[in-house]
Structures are given as structure tokens and as C-alpha cells.
Amino acid sequence: MQYSDLIEAARAARANAYAQYSQFAVGAALQTKSGAIFTGCNIENLSFGLTLCAERSAVASAVSNGSRDFVAIAIVTDSKKPALPCGACRQVLAEFNPDLKIVSATLSGEVQEFELAKLLPYPDQGVLEGRRNV
């Protein structure tokens, strides 16, 4: 599957990032089964715990617009190697599709693809097992 449009949407979203403290701007673009794309960027806060990652920002945009059937997410950063979603973002993404395809790119053009299920195996094992109603 080609992800160039999804990567470009994430690159454009990155331009809106509010990364005043880390100077690490991130853009994300989340694609649904129908092909709709929802974007997000990181929004930092002086209290880093309140920072909103680009991936969760894209999820919030999609869900608030009535979409939950995600198939892929692209992430764009200005890092040496393509960045991966943090643990919190992995868990939020797994809530909607544990088999989500993750495409991460750098501004210099390096691209890597990952499967969320390999990055976060067993996302609902334990206390939540069998209680999921999505």
C-alpha cells in the first residue's frame, strides 16, 4: 500500500505543532477504512504531563468527527530515524485497531513501516480482557 498522501498530510500537520519546550514538532495523519484522513500535531504544555501527542490529537479529531475505523497512521518528525508512538499513544491507538499499520517518516525522507500489534502485543490482556465493547 502506498502511504505518500498520508505522509504528506502528517508533514503538513507538523507545521501546526506547538512545541515551544522540546522544539520537537510532530505531525500525524490517521486514515480510516473509507479513506478519510484526520490530522493532528503535538501540543506541548509547560507541565510535560499535559502535553498532547500528535497521534492522540489525530485520534481526537477523528473520533470527534464520528470516525473510529482506523487502518493506518503516518507520523512525521525531524529526527535522524523515524520516530515511534509513545506507550500512551500505542495504547490509545490499540483501543481502535490493535492491527493498525504505522508509517513513520523523517523530514529527510526516511520511511519505516511497523505493525502496532508487534509494538504493543496483548493490549487488553488482564483486567480489561473480555470487557472491551468497541
Protein backbone atom coordinates (compact mmCIF):
# COMPACT_ATOMS: atom_id res chain seq x y z
CA MET A 1 0.00 0.00 0.00
CA GLN A 2 1.27 3.49 -0.86
CA TYR A 3 1.32 5.95 2.00
CA SER A 4 2.68 9.06 0.28
CA ASP A 5 -0.57 11.05 0.68
CA LEU A 6 -0.83 10.06 4.34
CA ILE A 7 2.80 11.06 4.96
CA GLU A 8 2.24 14.39 3.21
CA ALA A 9 -0.83 15.07 5.38
CA ALA A 10 1.25 14.33 8.50
CA ARG A 11 4.03 16.59 7.23
CA ALA A 12 1.52 19.43 6.76
CA ALA A 13 0.04 18.85 10.24
CA ARG A 14 3.54 19.02 11.73
CA ALA A 15 3.74 22.66 10.63
CA ASN A 16 1.00 23.45 13.18
CA ALA A 17 2.74 21.81 16.13
CA TYR A 18 3.09 23.76 19.36
CA ALA A 19 6.47 22.52 20.54
CA GLN A 20 7.74 25.53 22.49
CA TYR A 21 9.62 23.47 25.07
CA SER A 22 11.12 20.47 23.30
CA GLN A 23 11.39 22.02 19.82
CA PHE A 24 10.39 18.53 18.57
CA ALA A 25 7.44 19.10 16.25
CA VAL A 26 5.42 16.04 15.29
CA GLY A 27 2.62 15.63 12.76
CA ALA A 28 0.28 12.67 12.43
CA ALA A 29 -2.31 11.64 9.87
CA LEU A 30 -4.81 8.89 10.62
CA GLN A 31 -6.61 7.11 7.78
CA THR A 32 -9.97 5.34 8.05
CA LYS A 33 -11.28 2.38 6.04
CA SER A 34 -13.23 4.80 3.84
CA GLY A 35 -10.03 6.70 3.04
CA ALA A 36 -10.80 9.77 5.17
CA ILE A 37 -7.75 11.35 6.75
CA PHE A 38 -7.67 13.12 10.12
CA THR A 39 -4.59 15.00 11.20
CA GLY A 40 -3.07 16.08 14.47
CA CYS A 41 0.07 17.68 15.84
CA ASN A 42 1.75 17.70 19.21
CA ILE A 43 0.63 20.41 21.62
CA GLU A 44 3.08 20.90 24.45
CA ASN A 45 2.49 22.35 27.87
CA LEU A 46 4.95 23.64 30.44
CA SER A 47 3.81 20.70 32.56
CA PHE A 48 5.00 18.00 30.15
CA GLY A 49 2.46 15.54 31.56
CA LEU A 50 -0.29 17.64 29.99
CA THR A 51 1.31 17.54 26.54
CA LEU A 52 -0.87 16.06 23.80
CA CYS A 53 0.99 13.89 21.32
CA ALA A 54 0.27 14.23 17.59
CA GLU A 55 -1.10 10.69 17.39
CA ARG A 56 -3.65 11.24 20.16
CA SER A 57 -4.50 14.63 18.67
CA ALA A 58 -5.34 12.89 15.36
CA VAL A 59 -7.42 10.27 17.19
CA ALA A 60 -9.36 13.01 18.99
CA SER A 61 -10.05 14.75 15.69
CA ALA A 62 -11.26 11.55 14.04
CA VAL A 63 -13.45 10.38 16.91
CA SER A 64 -14.99 13.82 17.42
CA ASN A 65 -15.94 13.71 13.74
CA GLY A 66 -17.55 10.27 14.05
CA SER A 67 -14.76 8.03 12.72
CA ARG A 68 -13.31 5.05 14.55
CA ASP A 69 -12.37 2.54 11.85
CA PHE A 70 -8.66 3.35 11.54
CA VAL A 71 -6.38 1.40 9.21
CA ALA A 72 -3.12 3.38 9.19
CA ILE A 73 -1.35 6.31 10.78
CA ALA A 74 1.59 8.29 9.44
CA ILE A 75 3.93 10.19 11.73
CA VAL A 76 6.45 12.80 10.56
CA THR A 77 9.30 14.19 12.64
CA ASP A 78 12.60 15.95 12.14
CA SER A 79 14.66 13.19 13.71
CA LYS A 80 17.56 11.12 12.40
CA LYS A 81 15.48 7.94 12.44
CA PRO A 82 11.70 7.63 12.06
CA ALA A 83 10.03 8.05 15.46
CA LEU A 84 7.60 5.60 17.03
CA PRO A 85 4.48 6.43 19.04
CA CYS A 86 5.00 6.60 22.79
CA GLY A 87 3.45 3.93 25.01
CA ALA A 88 0.38 6.02 25.82
CA CYS A 89 -0.28 6.63 22.11
CA ARG A 90 0.20 2.94 21.32
CA GLN A 91 -2.43 2.05 23.91
CA VAL A 92 -4.88 4.67 22.61
CA LEU A 93 -4.38 3.52 19.01
CA ALA A 94 -4.84 -0.14 20.04
CA GLU A 95 -8.21 0.78 21.53
CA PHE A 96 -9.48 1.29 17.99
CA ASN A 97 -7.34 -1.13 15.94
CA PRO A 98 -4.69 -3.36 17.53
CA ASP A 99 -3.52 -4.26 14.00
CA LEU A 100 -3.04 -0.66 12.86
CA LYS A 101 -0.30 0.00 10.31
CA ILE A 102 2.17 2.67 11.46
CA VAL A 103 4.19 4.57 8.87
CA SER A 104 6.87 6.83 10.28
CA ALA A 105 8.88 9.29 8.22
CA THR A 106 11.55 11.91 8.75
CA LEU A 107 11.72 15.28 7.04
CA SER A 108 14.75 13.97 5.15
CA GLY A 109 12.59 11.24 3.60
CA GLU A 110 13.47 8.08 5.52
CA VAL A 111 10.36 5.92 5.96
CA GLN A 112 9.75 2.84 8.10
CA GLU A 113 6.59 0.78 8.48
CA PHE A 114 5.52 -1.01 11.63
CA GLU A 115 2.58 -3.06 12.87
CA LEU A 116 1.05 -1.82 16.11
CA ALA A 117 0.42 -5.41 17.22
CA LYS A 118 4.18 -6.03 17.21
CA LEU A 119 4.95 -2.79 19.06
CA LEU A 120 2.22 -3.38 21.67
CA PRO A 121 1.37 -7.06 21.99
CA TYR A 122 -1.56 -8.05 24.21
CA PRO A 123 -3.03 -4.54 24.67
CA ASP A 124 -6.12 -5.78 26.53
CA GLN A 125 -4.78 -8.79 28.39
CA GLY A 126 -5.52 -8.82 32.09
CA VAL A 127 -8.12 -6.71 33.83
CA LEU A 128 -9.68 -5.44 30.59
CA GLU A 129 -9.73 -8.84 28.86
CA GLY A 130 -13.19 -9.64 27.59
CA ARG A 131 -14.65 -6.33 28.72
CA ARG A 132 -13.95 -4.40 25.56
CA ASN A 133 -17.03 -3.17 23.76
CA VAL A 134 -15.96 -1.03 20.80
